[in-house]
Amino acid sequence: MEKLQYISQGNTLHEQKLNITRALDNGIKWIQVRWKNAPGNELIKLCEISRTACADYKAVCIINDHVLLAHEVDADGVHLGLNDSSVEEARLILGDQKIIGGTANTIPDVLQRIQEGCDYIGLGPLRFTPTKEQLSPVLGFEGYQKMIETLRDQSIEAPKIFAIGGVTLEDIQPLQQSGIYGVSVSAQITKQPSIINEFKKAMI
């Protein structure tokens, strides 16, 4: 599984397409299409376009929140928030071969995700981020470290955990030291897609 995920940004279809294309051009191999409050038809268009573009670049295309839409466009999978459909429901719709990721903010969330059988966990937020409207409590580096240690102490096997929420290039080293597998990045890659190479170099 790729260690670097790009979560798309943009207020319009044009902005979203542009940002996704730039990320792919700069070597990203995992896109999560995320467009909150999008007009329905335009979100469908974006998902179709993104699915095709990701296939051209041999990149993974994950749809945020919308299980049925992920199924309709034959995306590689879906990422579910804590208030979205359950992993079990998504699995029934998408089947065993698709990727299902789940958000978590606390140890009980992580345990829930493990029990649900999701393929990876987006754990966060690392810090405050204006890109998310309803932000869960900020974890900080210490929060990640405590959770990873708790899982290790109790010999709990978790799926790969990605740090999410305001992650920047400078955070890679401390996050990896805490035991985090990968990161999901939005704002910094949107502003400077060429930084993808730096992220890849930094991630062991």
Protein backbone atom coordinates (compact mmCIF):
# COMPACT_ATOMS: atom_id res chain seq x y z
CA MET A 1 0.00 0.00 0.00
CA GLU A 2 1.32 3.46 -0.93
CA LYS A 3 2.57 5.50 2.02
CA LEU A 4 1.52 8.87 0.63
CA GLN A 5 -2.12 9.71 -0.11
CA TYR A 6 -3.33 12.95 -1.66
CA ILE A 7 -6.74 14.16 -0.56
CA SER A 8 -8.14 16.35 -3.30
CA GLN A 9 -9.06 19.98 -2.78
CA GLY A 10 -10.95 22.59 -4.76
CA ASN A 11 -14.19 24.52 -4.67
CA THR A 12 -15.17 23.87 -8.28
CA LEU A 13 -14.98 20.98 -10.72
CA HIS A 14 -12.23 22.82 -12.59
CA GLU A 15 -10.14 23.35 -9.45
CA GLN A 16 -10.57 19.76 -8.34
CA LYS A 17 -9.60 18.38 -11.77
CA LEU A 18 -6.61 20.69 -11.97
CA ASN A 19 -5.32 19.76 -8.52
CA ILE A 20 -5.76 16.04 -9.11
CA THR A 21 -4.03 16.24 -12.50
CA ARG A 22 -1.12 18.19 -11.04
CA ALA A 23 -0.70 15.66 -8.25
CA LEU A 24 -0.70 12.79 -10.76
CA ASP A 25 1.74 14.63 -13.02
CA ASN A 26 4.06 14.98 -10.04
CA GLY A 27 4.02 11.30 -9.19
CA ILE A 28 1.27 10.72 -6.66
CA LYS A 29 0.06 7.10 -6.72
CA TRP A 30 -2.95 7.36 -4.42
CA ILE A 31 -5.76 9.89 -4.73
CA GLN A 32 -8.70 10.25 -2.42
CA VAL A 33 -11.37 12.27 -4.21
CA ARG A 34 -12.85 14.52 -1.55
CA TRP A 35 -15.24 17.32 -2.44
CA LYS A 36 -17.64 18.23 0.34
CA ASN A 37 -20.77 20.19 -0.62
CA ALA A 38 -20.27 19.48 -4.31
CA PRO A 39 -23.25 19.70 -6.67
CA GLY A 40 -24.35 16.08 -7.19
CA ASN A 41 -23.84 15.85 -10.93
CA GLU A 42 -20.47 17.53 -10.76
CA LEU A 43 -19.24 15.14 -8.08
CA ILE A 44 -20.20 12.23 -10.30
CA LYS A 45 -18.31 13.81 -13.19
CA LEU A 46 -15.25 14.41 -11.02
CA CYS A 47 -15.24 10.81 -9.80
CA GLU A 48 -15.53 9.47 -13.34
CA ILE A 49 -12.72 11.73 -14.57
CA SER A 50 -10.53 10.91 -11.58
CA ARG A 51 -11.07 7.19 -11.96
CA THR A 52 -9.96 7.33 -15.60
CA ALA A 53 -7.01 9.61 -14.88
CA CYS A 54 -5.79 7.43 -12.01
CA ALA A 55 -6.01 4.36 -14.24
CA ASP A 56 -3.90 6.15 -16.87
CA TYR A 57 -1.26 6.95 -14.24
CA LYS A 58 -1.56 3.53 -12.55
CA ALA A 59 -2.66 5.27 -9.37
CA VAL A 60 -5.24 4.19 -6.82
CA CYS A 61 -8.54 6.12 -6.85
CA ILE A 62 -10.50 6.23 -3.60
CA ILE A 63 -13.82 8.07 -3.22
CA ASN A 64 -14.49 9.88 0.04
CA ASP A 65 -17.81 9.10 1.80
CA HIS A 66 -19.88 7.90 -1.18
CA VAL A 67 -20.03 4.11 -1.34
CA LEU A 68 -22.60 3.89 -4.13
CA LEU A 69 -20.70 6.40 -6.22
CA ALA A 70 -17.47 4.46 -5.71
CA HIS A 71 -19.30 1.37 -6.92
CA GLU A 72 -20.86 3.20 -9.88
CA VAL A 73 -17.57 4.52 -11.24
CA ASP A 74 -15.71 1.31 -10.34
CA ALA A 75 -13.22 3.18 -8.15
CA ASP A 76 -10.56 1.25 -6.27
CA GLY A 77 -12.36 1.87 -3.02
CA VAL A 78 -13.95 4.24 -0.56
CA HIS A 79 -12.90 6.15 2.55
CA LEU A 80 -15.52 6.39 5.27
CA GLY A 81 -15.83 8.96 8.04
CA LEU A 82 -17.14 8.02 11.45
CA ASN A 83 -20.62 9.25 10.53
CA ASP A 84 -20.75 7.62 7.11
CA SER A 85 -21.93 4.15 6.14
CA SER A 86 -20.41 1.28 8.08
CA VAL A 87 -17.50 -0.70 6.69
CA GLU A 88 -19.74 -3.77 6.70
CA GLU A 89 -22.36 -2.06 4.51
CA ALA A 90 -19.66 -0.77 2.17
CA ARG A 91 -18.14 -4.24 1.90
CA LEU A 92 -21.48 -5.71 0.90
CA ILE A 93 -21.82 -3.15 -1.89
CA LEU A 94 -18.22 -3.04 -3.10
CA GLY A 95 -17.16 -6.65 -2.55
CA ASP A 96 -13.98 -8.11 -1.11
CA GLN A 97 -11.57 -6.80 -3.72
CA LYS A 98 -12.08 -3.07 -3.13
CA ILE A 99 -10.21 -0.99 -0.59
CA ILE A 100 -12.17 0.39 2.36
CA GLY A 101 -10.54 2.95 4.62
CA GLY A 102 -11.99 4.35 7.80
CA THR A 103 -11.43 7.47 9.86
CA ALA A 104 -10.59 7.23 13.55
CA ASN A 105 -9.87 9.78 16.26
CA THR A 106 -9.66 7.75 19.47
CA ILE A 107 -8.58 4.29 20.60
CA PRO A 108 -12.24 3.10 20.67
CA ASP A 109 -12.55 4.33 17.07
CA VAL A 110 -9.42 2.41 16.10
CA LEU A 111 -10.71 -0.74 17.79
CA GLN A 112 -14.04 -0.29 16.00
CA ARG A 113 -12.27 0.02 12.66
CA ILE A 114 -10.19 -3.10 13.38
CA GLN A 115 -13.34 -5.02 14.29
CA GLU A 116 -15.08 -3.79 11.14
CA GLY A 117 -12.23 -5.09 9.01
CA CYS A 118 -11.26 -1.94 7.15
CA ASP A 119 -8.10 -2.04 5.04
CA TYR A 120 -6.46 1.07 6.47
CA ILE A 121 -7.18 3.70 9.10
CA GLY A 122 -6.93 7.46 8.65
CA LEU A 123 -6.10 8.60 12.17
CA GLY A 124 -6.25 12.25 13.06
CA PRO A 125 -6.21 15.12 12.97
CA LEU A 126 -2.55 15.81 13.64
CA ARG A 127 -3.31 19.50 14.05
CA PHE A 128 -6.00 22.03 13.25
CA THR A 129 -6.82 22.26 9.56
CA PRO A 130 -9.21 24.65 7.88
CA THR A 131 -9.93 22.11 5.09
CA LYS A 132 -12.28 20.13 7.32
CA GLU A 133 -15.48 21.67 8.63
CA GLN A 134 -16.17 19.41 11.59
CA LEU A 135 -12.82 18.68 13.09
CA SER A 136 -12.32 16.00 15.74
CA PRO A 137 -10.05 16.74 18.72
CA VAL A 138 -6.45 17.36 17.63
CA LEU A 139 -4.09 14.45 18.44
CA GLY A 140 -0.65 15.99 18.01
CA PHE A 141 2.46 13.80 17.86
CA GLU A 142 1.97 12.62 21.45
CA GLY A 143 -1.54 11.41 20.64
CA TYR A 144 -0.26 9.19 17.84
CA GLN A 145 2.54 7.86 19.97
CA LYS A 146 0.20 6.97 22.82
CA MET A 147 -2.23 5.17 20.53
CA ILE A 148 0.47 3.17 18.77
CA GLU A 149 1.99 2.23 22.14
CA THR A 150 -1.43 1.19 23.45
CA LEU A 151 -1.97 -1.09 20.47
CA ARG A 152 1.52 -2.57 20.85
CA ASP A 153 1.17 -3.05 24.63
CA GLN A 154 -2.07 -4.95 24.12
CA SER A 155 -0.66 -6.91 21.14
CA ILE A 156 -3.48 -5.63 18.94
CA GLU A 157 -2.83 -6.03 15.24
CA ALA A 158 -4.15 -3.01 13.35
CA PRO A 159 -4.32 -2.29 9.63
CA LYS A 160 -1.95 0.31 8.26
CA ILE A 161 -2.45 3.66 9.99
CA PHE A 162 -2.15 6.97 8.15
CA ALA A 163 -1.79 10.32 9.88
CA ILE A 164 -4.22 12.89 8.56
CA GLY A 165 -5.11 16.51 9.22
CA GLY A 166 -2.67 19.34 8.59
CA VAL A 167 0.25 17.01 7.82
CA THR A 168 3.31 18.66 6.26
CA LEU A 169 6.67 17.43 5.01
CA GLU A 170 8.34 18.40 8.28
CA ASP A 171 6.06 16.00 10.17
CA ILE A 172 7.19 12.82 8.40
CA GLN A 173 10.12 11.96 10.62
CA PRO A 174 8.34 12.32 14.01
CA LEU A 175 5.27 10.53 12.67
CA GLN A 176 7.29 7.60 11.39
CA GLN A 177 9.20 7.45 14.67
CA SER A 178 5.87 7.07 16.46
CA GLY A 179 5.04 4.06 14.30
CA ILE A 180 2.67 5.63 11.78
CA TYR A 181 2.75 3.82 8.41
CA GLY A 182 1.90 6.69 6.07
CA VAL A 183 0.32 10.11 5.67
CA SER A 184 -2.63 11.70 3.93
CA VAL A 185 -1.83 15.20 2.71
CA SER A 186 -4.09 17.81 1.22
CA ALA A 187 -3.14 21.48 1.48
CA GLN A 188 0.62 21.28 1.02
CA ILE A 189 0.39 19.12 -2.11
CA THR A 190 -2.40 21.29 -3.53
CA LYS A 191 -0.27 24.41 -3.10
CA GLN A 192 2.99 22.81 -4.27
CA PRO A 193 2.51 19.51 -6.13
CA SER A 194 6.26 19.21 -6.82
CA ILE A 195 6.73 18.56 -3.09
CA ILE A 196 5.43 15.01 -3.68
CA ASN A 197 8.97 13.93 -4.54
CA GLU A 198 10.24 15.33 -1.25
CA PHE A 199 7.56 13.40 0.63
CA LYS A 200 8.54 10.20 -1.13
CA LYS A 201 12.21 10.71 -0.27
CA ALA A 202 11.35 11.41 3.36
CA MET A 203 9.17 8.32 3.78
CA ILE A 204 11.11 5.18 4.57
